[in-house]
Amino acid sequence: LRGFQRAMAERGIEIDPALVVEMDASASDSVQKIEEIL
């Protein structure tokens, strides 16, 4: 995440906090989370 944020900052792109979503690293809830985001 820090690396991604640095790439955005260098290009003047503001990151919307609503677009940073924490997932279960095991991916067990990925489909449900994406459906909620959509």
Full PDB file with SEQRES, HELIX, SHEET, SSBOND, CRYST1, ORIGX, SCALE, CONECT and MASTER records, all heavy atoms in Angstrom:
SEQRES   1 A   38  LEU ARG GLY PHE GLN ARG ALA MET ALA GLU ARG GLY ILE          
SEQRES   2 A   38  GLU ILE ASP PRO ALA LEU VAL VAL GLU MET ASP ALA SER          
SEQRES   3 A   38  ALA SER ASP SER VAL GLN LYS ILE GLU GLU ILE LEU              
HELIX    1 AA1 ARG A    2  GLU A   10  1                                   9    
HELIX    2 AA2 PRO A   17  LEU A   19  5                                   3    
HELIX    3 AA3 SER A   30  ILE A   37  1                                   8    
CRYST1    1.000    1.000    1.000  90.00  90.00  90.00 P 1           1          
ORIGX1      1.000000  0.000000  0.000000        0.00000                         
ORIGX2      0.000000  1.000000  0.000000        0.00000                         
ORIGX3      0.000000  0.000000  1.000000        0.00000                         
SCALE1      1.000000  0.000000  0.000000        0.00000                         
SCALE2      0.000000  1.000000  0.000000        0.00000                         
SCALE3      0.000000  0.000000  1.000000        0.00000                         
ATOM      1  N   LEU A   1       0.831  -1.199   0.000  1.00  0.00           N  
ATOM      2  CA  LEU A   1       0.000   0.000   0.000  1.00  0.00           C  
ATOM      3  C   LEU A   1       0.867   1.251   0.000  1.00  0.00           C  
ATOM      4  O   LEU A   1       0.573   2.214  -0.730  1.00  0.00           O  
ATOM      5  CB  LEU A   1      -0.931   0.000   1.209  1.00  0.00           C  
ATOM      6  CG  LEU A   1      -1.867   1.206   1.339  1.00  0.00           C  
ATOM      7  CD1 LEU A   1      -2.759   1.348   0.108  1.00  0.00           C  
ATOM      8  CD2 LEU A   1      -2.712   1.092   2.606  1.00  0.00           C  
ATOM      9  N   ARG A   2       1.949   1.270   0.775  1.00  0.00           N  
ATOM     10  CA  ARG A   2       2.838   2.427   0.795  1.00  0.00           C  
ATOM     11  C   ARG A   2       3.458   2.677  -0.566  1.00  0.00           C  
ATOM     12  O   ARG A   2       3.595   3.821  -1.010  1.00  0.00           O  
ATOM     13  CB  ARG A   2       3.937   2.239   1.846  1.00  0.00           C  
ATOM     14  CG  ARG A   2       3.469   2.450   3.263  1.00  0.00           C  
ATOM     15  CD  ARG A   2       4.644   2.684   4.203  1.00  0.00           C  
ATOM     16  NE  ARG A   2       5.554   1.555   4.277  1.00  0.00           N  
ATOM     17  CZ  ARG A   2       5.386   0.524   5.091  1.00  0.00           C  
ATOM     18  NH1 ARG A   2       4.328   0.481   5.899  1.00  0.00           N  
ATOM     19  NH2 ARG A   2       6.264  -0.453   5.121  1.00  0.00           N  
ATOM     20  N   GLY A   3       3.866   1.613  -1.238  1.00  0.00           N  
ATOM     21  CA  GLY A   3       4.430   1.761  -2.571  1.00  0.00           C  
ATOM     22  C   GLY A   3       3.423   2.340  -3.545  1.00  0.00           C  
ATOM     23  O   GLY A   3       3.749   3.225  -4.353  1.00  0.00           O  
ATOM     24  N   PHE A   4       2.192   1.842  -3.493  1.00  0.00           N  
ATOM     25  CA  PHE A   4       1.128   2.360  -4.351  1.00  0.00           C  
ATOM     26  C   PHE A   4       0.881   3.836  -4.065  1.00  0.00           C  
ATOM     27  O   PHE A   4       0.753   4.657  -4.998  1.00  0.00           O  
ATOM     28  CB  PHE A   4      -0.150   1.547  -4.129  1.00  0.00           C  
ATOM     29  CG  PHE A   4      -1.340   2.059  -4.883  1.00  0.00           C  
ATOM     30  CD1 PHE A   4      -1.551   1.700  -6.204  1.00  0.00           C  
ATOM     31  CD2 PHE A   4      -2.246   2.915  -4.278  1.00  0.00           C  
ATOM     32  CE1 PHE A   4      -2.645   2.184  -6.915  1.00  0.00           C  
ATOM     33  CE2 PHE A   4      -3.338   3.408  -4.975  1.00  0.00           C  
ATOM     34  CZ  PHE A   4      -3.536   3.040  -6.303  1.00  0.00           C  
ATOM     35  N   GLN A   5       0.804   4.189  -2.794  1.00  0.00           N  
ATOM     36  CA  GLN A   5       0.562   5.588  -2.413  1.00  0.00           C  
ATOM     37  C   GLN A   5       1.682   6.496  -2.918  1.00  0.00           C  
ATOM     38  O   GLN A   5       1.420   7.625  -3.361  1.00  0.00           O  
ATOM     39  CB  GLN A   5       0.431   5.692  -0.894  1.00  0.00           C  
ATOM     40  CG  GLN A   5      -0.838   5.056  -0.343  1.00  0.00           C  
ATOM     41  CD  GLN A   5      -0.825   4.927   1.167  1.00  0.00           C  
ATOM     42  OE1 GLN A   5       0.244   4.788   1.784  1.00  0.00           O  
ATOM     43  NE2 GLN A   5      -1.998   4.952   1.796  1.00  0.00           N  
ATOM     44  N   ARG A   6       2.905   6.025  -2.877  1.00  0.00           N  
ATOM     45  CA  ARG A   6       4.036   6.828  -3.364  1.00  0.00           C  
ATOM     46  C   ARG A   6       3.926   7.064  -4.866  1.00  0.00           C  
ATOM     47  O   ARG A   6       4.179   8.177  -5.356  1.00  0.00           O  
ATOM     48  CB  ARG A   6       5.353   6.113  -3.022  1.00  0.00           C  
ATOM     49  CG  ARG A   6       6.593   6.850  -3.480  1.00  0.00           C  
ATOM     50  CD  ARG A   6       7.825   6.340  -2.738  1.00  0.00           C  
ATOM     51  NE  ARG A   6       8.039   4.918  -2.944  1.00  0.00           N  
ATOM     52  CZ  ARG A   6       8.754   4.393  -3.951  1.00  0.00           C  
ATOM     53  NH1 ARG A   6       9.288   5.194  -4.875  1.00  0.00           N  
ATOM     54  NH2 ARG A   6       8.923   3.091  -4.037  1.00  0.00           N  
ATOM     55  N   ALA A   7       3.516   6.033  -5.611  1.00  0.00           N  
ATOM     56  CA  ALA A   7       3.343   6.188  -7.052  1.00  0.00           C  
ATOM     57  C   ALA A   7       2.271   7.219  -7.372  1.00  0.00           C  
ATOM     58  O   ALA A   7       2.415   8.036  -8.291  1.00  0.00           O  
ATOM     59  CB  ALA A   7       2.982   4.840  -7.686  1.00  0.00           C  
ATOM     60  N   MET A   8       1.179   7.200  -6.604  1.00  0.00           N  
ATOM     61  CA  MET A   8       0.105   8.170  -6.823  1.00  0.00           C  
ATOM     62  C   MET A   8       0.570   9.585  -6.456  1.00  0.00           C  
ATOM     63  O   MET A   8       0.306  10.551  -7.182  1.00  0.00           O  
ATOM     64  CB  MET A   8      -1.120   7.798  -5.976  1.00  0.00           C  
ATOM     65  CG  MET A   8      -1.776   6.462  -6.340  1.00  0.00           C  
ATOM     66  SD  MET A   8      -2.430   6.387  -8.031  1.00  0.00           S  
ATOM     67  CE  MET A   8      -1.141   5.406  -8.819  1.00  0.00           C  
ATOM     68  N   ALA A   9       1.272   9.722  -5.335  1.00  0.00           N  
ATOM     69  CA  ALA A   9       1.723  11.039  -4.878  1.00  0.00           C  
ATOM     70  C   ALA A   9       2.670  11.667  -5.880  1.00  0.00           C  
ATOM     71  O   ALA A   9       2.602  12.886  -6.145  1.00  0.00           O  
ATOM     72  CB  ALA A   9       2.395  10.911  -3.514  1.00  0.00           C  
ATOM     73  N   GLU A  10       3.561  10.868  -6.461  1.00  0.00           N  
ATOM     74  CA  GLU A  10       4.514  11.402  -7.437  1.00  0.00           C  
ATOM     75  C   GLU A  10       3.826  11.931  -8.682  1.00  0.00           C  
ATOM     76  O   GLU A  10       4.368  12.795  -9.372  1.00  0.00           O  
ATOM     77  CB  GLU A  10       5.516  10.307  -7.826  1.00  0.00           C  
ATOM     78  CG  GLU A  10       6.529   9.991  -6.731  1.00  0.00           C  
ATOM     79  CD  GLU A  10       7.519   8.930  -7.162  1.00  0.00           C  
ATOM     80  OE1 GLU A  10       7.447   8.489  -8.338  1.00  0.00           O  
ATOM     81  OE2 GLU A  10       8.368   8.526  -6.344  1.00  0.00           O  
ATOM     82  N   ARG A  11       2.634  11.451  -8.958  1.00  0.00           N  
ATOM     83  CA  ARG A  11       1.897  11.872 -10.153  1.00  0.00           C  
ATOM     84  C   ARG A  11       0.750  12.823  -9.832  1.00  0.00           C  
ATOM     85  O   ARG A  11      -0.064  13.132 -10.703  1.00  0.00           O  
ATOM     86  CB  ARG A  11       1.391  10.617 -10.892  1.00  0.00           C  
ATOM     87  CG  ARG A  11       2.543   9.853 -11.525  1.00  0.00           C  
ATOM     88  CD  ARG A  11       2.244   8.393 -11.778  1.00  0.00           C  
ATOM     89  NE  ARG A  11       3.417   7.749 -12.367  1.00  0.00           N  
ATOM     90  CZ  ARG A  11       4.478   7.340 -11.674  1.00  0.00           C  
ATOM     91  NH1 ARG A  11       4.500   7.493 -10.360  1.00  0.00           N  
ATOM     92  NH2 ARG A  11       5.513   6.812 -12.290  1.00  0.00           N  
ATOM     93  N   GLY A  12       0.675  13.243  -8.593  1.00  0.00           N  
ATOM     94  CA  GLY A  12      -0.344  14.212  -8.200  1.00  0.00           C  
ATOM     95  C   GLY A  12      -1.755  13.656  -8.201  1.00  0.00           C  
ATOM     96  O   GLY A  12      -2.722  14.411  -8.335  1.00  0.00           O  
ATOM     97  N   ILE A  13      -1.887  12.329  -8.035  1.00  0.00           N  
ATOM     98  CA  ILE A  13      -3.207  11.697  -8.036  1.00  0.00           C  
ATOM     99  C   ILE A  13      -3.658  11.524  -6.589  1.00  0.00           C  
ATOM    100  O   ILE A  13      -2.982  10.872  -5.800  1.00  0.00           O  
ATOM    101  CB  ILE A  13      -3.180  10.343  -8.756  1.00  0.00           C  
ATOM    102  CG1 ILE A  13      -2.747  10.519 -10.218  1.00  0.00           C  
ATOM    103  CG2 ILE A  13      -4.547   9.659  -8.669  1.00  0.00           C  
ATOM    104  CD1 ILE A  13      -2.555   9.214 -10.962  1.00  0.00           C  
ATOM    105  N   GLU A  14      -4.775  12.095  -6.247  1.00  0.00           N  
ATOM    106  CA  GLU A  14      -5.301  11.993  -4.890  1.00  0.00           C  
ATOM    107  C   GLU A  14      -6.044  10.668  -4.727  1.00  0.00           C  
ATOM    108  O   GLU A  14      -6.851  10.273  -5.579  1.00  0.00           O  
ATOM    109  CB  GLU A  14      -6.236  13.156  -4.600  1.00  0.00           C  
ATOM    110  CG  GLU A  14      -6.723  13.208  -3.162  1.00  0.00           C  
ATOM    111  CD  GLU A  14      -7.553  14.445  -2.874  1.00  0.00           C  
ATOM    112  OE1 GLU A  14      -7.594  15.359  -3.723  1.00  0.00           O  
ATOM    113  OE2 GLU A  14      -8.165  14.495  -1.788  1.00  0.00           O  
ATOM    114  N   ILE A  15      -5.774   9.982  -3.625  1.00  0.00           N  
ATOM    115  CA  ILE A  15      -6.409   8.692  -3.355  1.00  0.00           C  
ATOM    116  C   ILE A  15      -7.661   8.918  -2.516  1.00  0.00           C  
ATOM    117  O   ILE A  15      -7.609   9.503  -1.439  1.00  0.00           O  
ATOM    118  CB  ILE A  15      -5.451   7.746  -2.615  1.00  0.00           C  
ATOM    119  CG1 ILE A  15      -4.202   7.475  -3.469  1.00  0.00           C  
ATOM    120  CG2 ILE A  15      -6.148   6.431  -2.269  1.00  0.00           C  
ATOM    121  CD1 ILE A  15      -3.141   6.652  -2.748  1.00  0.00           C  
ATOM    122  N   ASP A  16      -8.792   8.470  -3.029  1.00  0.00           N  
ATOM    123  CA  ASP A  16     -10.049   8.541  -2.276  1.00  0.00           C  
ATOM    124  C   ASP A  16     -10.022   7.456  -1.196  1.00  0.00           C  
ATOM    125  O   ASP A  16      -9.923   6.265  -1.516  1.00  0.00           O  
ATOM    126  CB  ASP A  16     -11.224   8.320  -3.227  1.00  0.00           C  
ATOM    127  CG  ASP A  16     -12.583   8.439  -2.551  1.00  0.00           C  
ATOM    128  OD1 ASP A  16     -12.628   8.487  -1.303  1.00  0.00           O  
ATOM    129  OD2 ASP A  16     -13.600   8.468  -3.267  1.00  0.00           O  
ATOM    130  N   PRO A  17     -10.085   7.830   0.093  1.00  0.00           N  
ATOM    131  CA  PRO A  17     -10.052   6.822   1.166  1.00  0.00           C  
ATOM    132  C   PRO A  17     -11.117   5.738   1.009  1.00  0.00           C  
ATOM    133  O   PRO A  17     -10.920   4.593   1.443  1.00  0.00           O  
ATOM    134  CB  PRO A  17     -10.290   7.646   2.435  1.00  0.00           C  
ATOM    135  CG  PRO A  17      -9.836   9.031   2.086  1.00  0.00           C  
ATOM    136  CD  PRO A  17     -10.182   9.196   0.635  1.00  0.00           C  
ATOM    137  N   ALA A  18     -12.243   6.090   0.379  1.00  0.00           N  
ATOM    138  CA  ALA A  18     -13.320   5.110   0.188  1.00  0.00           C  
ATOM    139  C   ALA A  18     -12.911   4.002  -0.775  1.00  0.00           C  
ATOM    140  O   ALA A  18     -13.531   2.932  -0.808  1.00  0.00           O  
ATOM    141  CB  ALA A  18     -14.578   5.796  -0.319  1.00  0.00           C  
ATOM    142  N   LEU A  19     -11.845   4.260  -1.559  1.00  0.00           N  
ATOM    143  CA  LEU A  19     -11.392   3.272  -2.531  1.00  0.00           C  
ATOM    144  C   LEU A  19     -10.272   2.379  -1.986  1.00  0.00           C  
ATOM    145  O   LEU A  19      -9.705   1.580  -2.738  1.00  0.00           O  
ATOM    146  CB  LEU A  19     -10.919   3.968  -3.809  1.00  0.00           C  
ATOM    147  CG  LEU A  19     -12.022   4.609  -4.664  1.00  0.00           C  
ATOM    148  CD1 LEU A  19     -11.414   5.330  -5.858  1.00  0.00           C  
ATOM    149  CD2 LEU A  19     -13.019   3.557  -5.133  1.00  0.00           C  
ATOM    150  N   VAL A  20      -9.946   2.506  -0.721  1.00  0.00           N  
ATOM    151  CA  VAL A  20      -8.985   1.609  -0.083  1.00  0.00           C  
ATOM    152  C   VAL A  20      -9.771   0.680   0.840  1.00  0.00           C  
ATOM    153  O   VAL A  20     -10.263   1.091   1.892  1.00  0.00           O  
ATOM    154  CB  VAL A  20      -7.911   2.383   0.704  1.00  0.00           C  
ATOM    155  CG1 VAL A  20      -6.936   1.412   1.354  1.00  0.00           C  
ATOM    156  CG2 VAL A  20      -7.171   3.349  -0.213  1.00  0.00           C  
ATOM    157  N   VAL A  21      -9.916  -0.570   0.440  1.00  0.00           N  
ATOM    158  CA  VAL A  21     -10.801  -1.516   1.124  1.00  0.00           C  
ATOM    159  C   VAL A  21      -9.987  -2.695   1.654  1.00  0.00           C  
ATOM    160  O   VAL A  21      -9.252  -3.342   0.900  1.00  0.00           O  
ATOM    161  CB  VAL A  21     -11.898  -2.031   0.172  1.00  0.00           C  
ATOM    162  CG1 VAL A  21     -12.805  -3.026   0.896  1.00  0.00           C  
ATOM    163  CG2 VAL A  21     -12.710  -0.860  -0.385  1.00  0.00           C  
ATOM    164  N   GLU A  22     -10.126  -2.981   2.938  1.00  0.00           N  
ATOM    165  CA  GLU A  22      -9.409  -4.104   3.534  1.00  0.00           C  
ATOM    166  C   GLU A  22     -10.147  -5.410   3.270  1.00  0.00           C  
ATOM    167  O   GLU A  22     -11.348  -5.514   3.506  1.00  0.00           O  
ATOM    168  CB  GLU A  22      -9.247  -3.887   5.045  1.00  0.00           C  
ATOM    169  CG  GLU A  22      -8.439  -4.974   5.734  1.00  0.00           C  
ATOM    170  CD  GLU A  22      -8.269  -4.723   7.225  1.00  0.00           C  
ATOM    171  OE1 GLU A  22      -8.128  -3.543   7.624  1.00  0.00           O  
ATOM    172  OE2 GLU A  22      -8.294  -5.711   7.993  1.00  0.00           O  
ATOM    173  N   MET A  23      -9.405  -6.390   2.792  1.00  0.00           N  
ATOM    174  CA  MET A  23      -9.955  -7.705   2.492  1.00  0.00           C  
ATOM    175  C   MET A  23      -9.339  -8.745   3.421  1.00  0.00           C  
ATOM    176  O   MET A  23      -8.298  -8.512   4.037  1.00  0.00           O  
ATOM    177  CB  MET A  23      -9.632  -8.094   1.042  1.00  0.00           C  
ATOM    178  CG  MET A  23      -9.975  -7.038   0.005  1.00  0.00           C  
ATOM    179  SD  MET A  23     -11.735  -6.903  -0.301  1.00  0.00           S  
ATOM    180  CE  MET A  23     -11.999  -8.365  -1.318  1.00  0.00           C  
ATOM    181  N   ASP A  24      -9.957  -9.914   3.503  1.00  0.00           N  
ATOM    182  CA  ASP A  24      -9.350 -11.054   4.168  1.00  0.00           C  
ATOM    183  C   ASP A  24      -8.252 -11.580   3.242  1.00  0.00           C  
ATOM    184  O   ASP A  24      -8.505 -11.874   2.076  1.00  0.00           O  
ATOM    185  CB  ASP A  24     -10.420 -12.126   4.397  1.00  0.00           C  
ATOM    186  CG  ASP A  24      -9.904 -13.315   5.184  1.00  0.00           C  
ATOM    187  OD1 ASP A  24      -8.685 -13.578   5.136  1.00  0.00           O  
ATOM    188  OD2 ASP A  24     -10.717 -13.988   5.842  1.00  0.00           O  
ATOM    189  N   ALA A  25      -7.032 -11.681   3.752  1.00  0.00           N  
ATOM    190  CA  ALA A  25      -5.908 -12.115   2.913  1.00  0.00           C  
ATOM    191  C   ALA A  25      -6.115 -13.501   2.335  1.00  0.00           C  
ATOM    192  O   ALA A  25      -5.509 -13.855   1.325  1.00  0.00           O  
ATOM    193  CB  ALA A  25      -4.610 -12.065   3.709  1.00  0.00           C  
ATOM    194  N   SER A  26      -6.964 -14.306   2.963  1.00  0.00           N  
ATOM    195  CA  SER A  26      -7.232 -15.648   2.459  1.00  0.00           C  
ATOM    196  C   SER A  26      -8.223 -15.653   1.300  1.00  0.00           C  
ATOM    197  O   SER A  26      -8.514 -16.694   0.728  1.00  0.00           O  
ATOM    198  CB  SER A  26      -7.781 -16.541   3.579  1.00  0.00           C  
ATOM    199  OG  SER A  26      -9.070 -16.104   3.981  1.00  0.00           O  
ATOM    200  N   ALA A  27      -8.775 -14.467   0.979  1.00  0.00           N  
ATOM    201  CA  ALA A  27      -9.715 -14.301  -0.142  1.00  0.00           C  
ATOM    202  C   ALA A  27     -11.051 -14.974   0.091  1.00  0.00           C  
ATOM    203  O   ALA A  27     -11.852 -15.091  -0.830  1.00  0.00           O  
ATOM    204  CB  ALA A  27      -9.105 -14.814  -1.462  1.00  0.00           C  
ATOM    205  N   SER A  28     -11.318 -15.378   1.322  1.00  0.00           N  
ATOM    206  CA  SER A  28     -12.554 -16.106   1.592  1.00  0.00           C  
ATOM    207  C   SER A  28     -13.803 -15.246   1.426  1.00  0.00           C  
ATOM    208  O   SER A  28     -14.893 -15.768   1.208  1.00  0.00           O  
ATOM    209  CB  SER A  28     -12.516 -16.693   3.003  1.00  0.00           C  
ATOM    210  OG  SER A  28     -12.400 -15.658   3.969  1.00  0.00           O  
ATOM    211  N   ASP A  29     -13.653 -13.922   1.534  1.00  0.00           N  
ATOM    212  CA  ASP A  29     -14.824 -13.052   1.422  1.00  0.00           C  
ATOM    213  C   ASP A  29     -14.731 -12.103   0.235  1.00  0.00           C  
ATOM    214  O   ASP A  29     -15.449 -11.119   0.166  1.00  0.00           O  
ATOM    215  CB  ASP A  29     -15.007 -12.243   2.716  1.00  0.00           C  
ATOM    216  CG  ASP A  29     -13.869 -11.250   2.943  1.00  0.00           C  
ATOM    217  OD1 ASP A  29     -12.823 -11.376   2.253  1.00  0.00           O  
ATOM    218  OD2 ASP A  29     -14.026 -10.346   3.783  1.00  0.00           O  
ATOM    219  N   SER A  30     -13.843 -12.403  -0.721  1.00  0.00           N  
ATOM    220  CA  SER A  30     -13.597 -11.466  -1.825  1.00  0.00           C  
ATOM    221  C   SER A  30     -14.832 -11.199  -2.664  1.00  0.00           C  
ATOM    222  O   SER A  30     -15.157 -10.048  -2.971  1.00  0.00           O  
ATOM    223  CB  SER A  30     -12.469 -11.999  -2.717  1.00  0.00           C  
ATOM    224  OG  SER A  30     -11.265 -12.073  -2.009  1.00  0.00           O  
ATOM    225  N   VAL A  31     -15.517 -12.262  -3.053  1.00  0.00           N  
ATOM    226  CA  VAL A  31     -16.683 -12.095  -3.925  1.00  0.00           C  
ATOM    227  C   VAL A  31     -17.750 -11.239  -3.239  1.00  0.00           C  
ATOM    228  O   VAL A  31     -18.297 -10.306  -3.837  1.00  0.00           O  
ATOM    229  CB  VAL A  31     -17.253 -13.462  -4.338  1.00  0.00           C  
ATOM    230  CG1 VAL A  31     -18.565 -13.280  -5.088  1.00  0.00           C  
ATOM    231  CG2 VAL A  31     -16.248 -14.217  -5.202  1.00  0.00           C  
ATOM    232  N   GLN A  32     -18.024 -11.545  -1.971  1.00  0.00           N  
ATOM    233  CA  GLN A  32     -19.029 -10.773  -1.241  1.00  0.00           C  
ATOM    234  C   GLN A  32     -18.621  -9.315  -1.098  1.00  0.00           C  
ATOM    235  O   GLN A  32     -19.439  -8.410  -1.292  1.00  0.00           O  
ATOM    236  CB  GLN A  32     -19.249 -11.378   0.146  1.00  0.00           C  
ATOM    237  CG  GLN A  32     -20.291 -10.631   0.986  1.00  0.00           C  
ATOM    238  CD  GLN A  32     -20.465 -11.234   2.362  1.00  0.00           C  
ATOM    239  OE1 GLN A  32     -20.071 -12.367   2.609  1.00  0.00           O  
ATOM    240  NE2 GLN A  32     -21.052 -10.480   3.264  1.00  0.00           N  
ATOM    241  N   LYS A  33     -17.350  -9.066  -0.810  1.00  0.00           N  
ATOM    242  CA  LYS A  33     -16.876  -7.692  -0.663  1.00  0.00           C  
ATOM    243  C   LYS A  33     -16.997  -6.911  -1.973  1.00  0.00           C  
ATOM    244  O   LYS A  33     -17.405  -5.758  -1.982  1.00  0.00           O  
ATOM    245  CB  LYS A  33     -15.409  -7.689  -0.201  1.00  0.00           C  
ATOM    246  CG  LYS A  33     -15.214  -7.851   1.292  1.00  0.00           C  
ATOM    247  CD  LYS A  33     -15.450  -6.531   2.029  1.00  0.00           C  
ATOM    248  CE  LYS A  33     -15.159  -6.658   3.526  1.00  0.00           C  
ATOM    249  NZ  LYS A  33     -13.731  -6.792   3.831  1.00  0.00           N  
ATOM    250  N   ILE A  34     -16.632  -7.551  -3.072  1.00  0.00           N  
ATOM    251  CA  ILE A  34     -16.723  -6.883  -4.370  1.00  0.00           C  
ATOM    252  C   ILE A  34     -18.180  -6.573  -4.711  1.00  0.00           C  
ATOM    253  O   ILE A  34     -18.506  -5.495  -5.228  1.00  0.00           O  
ATOM    254  CB  ILE A  34     -16.085  -7.739  -5.477  1.00  0.00           C  
ATOM    255  CG1 ILE A  34     -14.571  -7.826  -5.250  1.00  0.00           C  
ATOM    256  CG2 ILE A  34     -16.358  -7.147  -6.848  1.00  0.00           C  
ATOM    257  CD1 ILE A  34     -13.858  -6.497  -5.263  1.00  0.00           C  
ATOM    258  N   GLU A  35     -19.069  -7.509  -4.412  1.00  0.00           N  
ATOM    259  CA  GLU A  35     -20.486  -7.260  -4.674  1.00  0.00           C  
ATOM    260  C   GLU A  35     -20.999  -6.083  -3.840  1.00  0.00           C  
ATOM    261  O   GLU A  35     -21.799  -5.274  -4.314  1.00  0.00           O  
ATOM    262  CB  GLU A  35     -21.287  -8.528  -4.389  1.00  0.00           C  
ATOM    263  CG  GLU A  35     -21.033  -9.622  -5.426  1.00  0.00           C  
ATOM    264  CD  GLU A  35     -21.796 -10.893  -5.152  1.00  0.00           C  
ATOM    265  OE1 GLU A  35     -22.314 -11.041  -4.020  1.00  0.00           O  
ATOM    266  OE2 GLU A  35     -21.871 -11.737  -6.060  1.00  0.00           O  
ATOM    267  N   GLU A  36     -20.520  -5.965  -2.606  1.00  0.00           N  
ATOM    268  CA  GLU A  36     -20.896  -4.822  -1.767  1.00  0.00           C  
ATOM    269  C   GLU A  36     -20.355  -3.517  -2.344  1.00  0.00           C  
ATOM    270  O   GLU A  36     -21.033  -2.483  -2.334  1.00  0.00           O  
ATOM    271  CB  GLU A  36     -20.361  -5.023  -0.346  1.00  0.00           C  
ATOM    272  CG  GLU A  36     -21.067  -6.140   0.421  1.00  0.00           C  
ATOM    273  CD  GLU A  36     -20.391  -6.446   1.755  1.00  0.00           C  
ATOM    274  OE1 GLU A  36     -19.363  -5.781   2.062  1.00  0.00           O  
ATOM    275  OE2 GLU A  36     -20.871  -7.333   2.474  1.00  0.00           O  
ATOM    276  N   ILE A  37     -19.132  -3.571  -2.870  1.00  0.00           N  
ATOM    277  CA  ILE A  37     -18.533  -2.379  -3.480  1.00  0.00           C  
ATOM    278  C   ILE A  37     -19.307  -1.968  -4.722  1.00  0.00           C  
ATOM    279  O   ILE A  37     -19.596  -0.788  -4.936  1.00  0.00           O  
ATOM    280  CB  ILE A  37     -17.047  -2.644  -3.818  1.00  0.00           C  
ATOM    281  CG1 ILE A  37     -16.239  -2.783  -2.527  1.00  0.00           C  
ATOM    282  CG2 ILE A  37     -16.486  -1.517  -4.682  1.00  0.00           C  
ATOM    283  CD1 ILE A  37     -14.838  -3.325  -2.746  1.00  0.00           C  
ATOM    284  N   LEU A  38     -19.664  -2.949  -5.554  1.00  0.00           N  
ATOM    285  CA  LEU A  38     -20.438  -2.633  -6.757  1.00  0.00           C  
ATOM    286  C   LEU A  38     -21.807  -2.044  -6.404  1.00  0.00           C  
ATOM    287  O   LEU A  38     -22.287  -1.121  -7.057  1.00  0.00           O  
ATOM    288  CB  LEU A  38     -20.609  -3.891  -7.611  1.00  0.00           C  
ATOM    289  CG  LEU A  38     -19.327  -4.431  -8.266  1.00  0.00           C  
ATOM    290  CD1 LEU A  38     -19.596  -5.772  -8.923  1.00  0.00           C  
ATOM    291  CD2 LEU A  38     -18.790  -3.434  -9.288  1.00  0.00           C  
TER     292      LEU A  38                                                      
MASTER        0    0    0    3    0    0    0    6  291    1    0    3          
END                                                                             
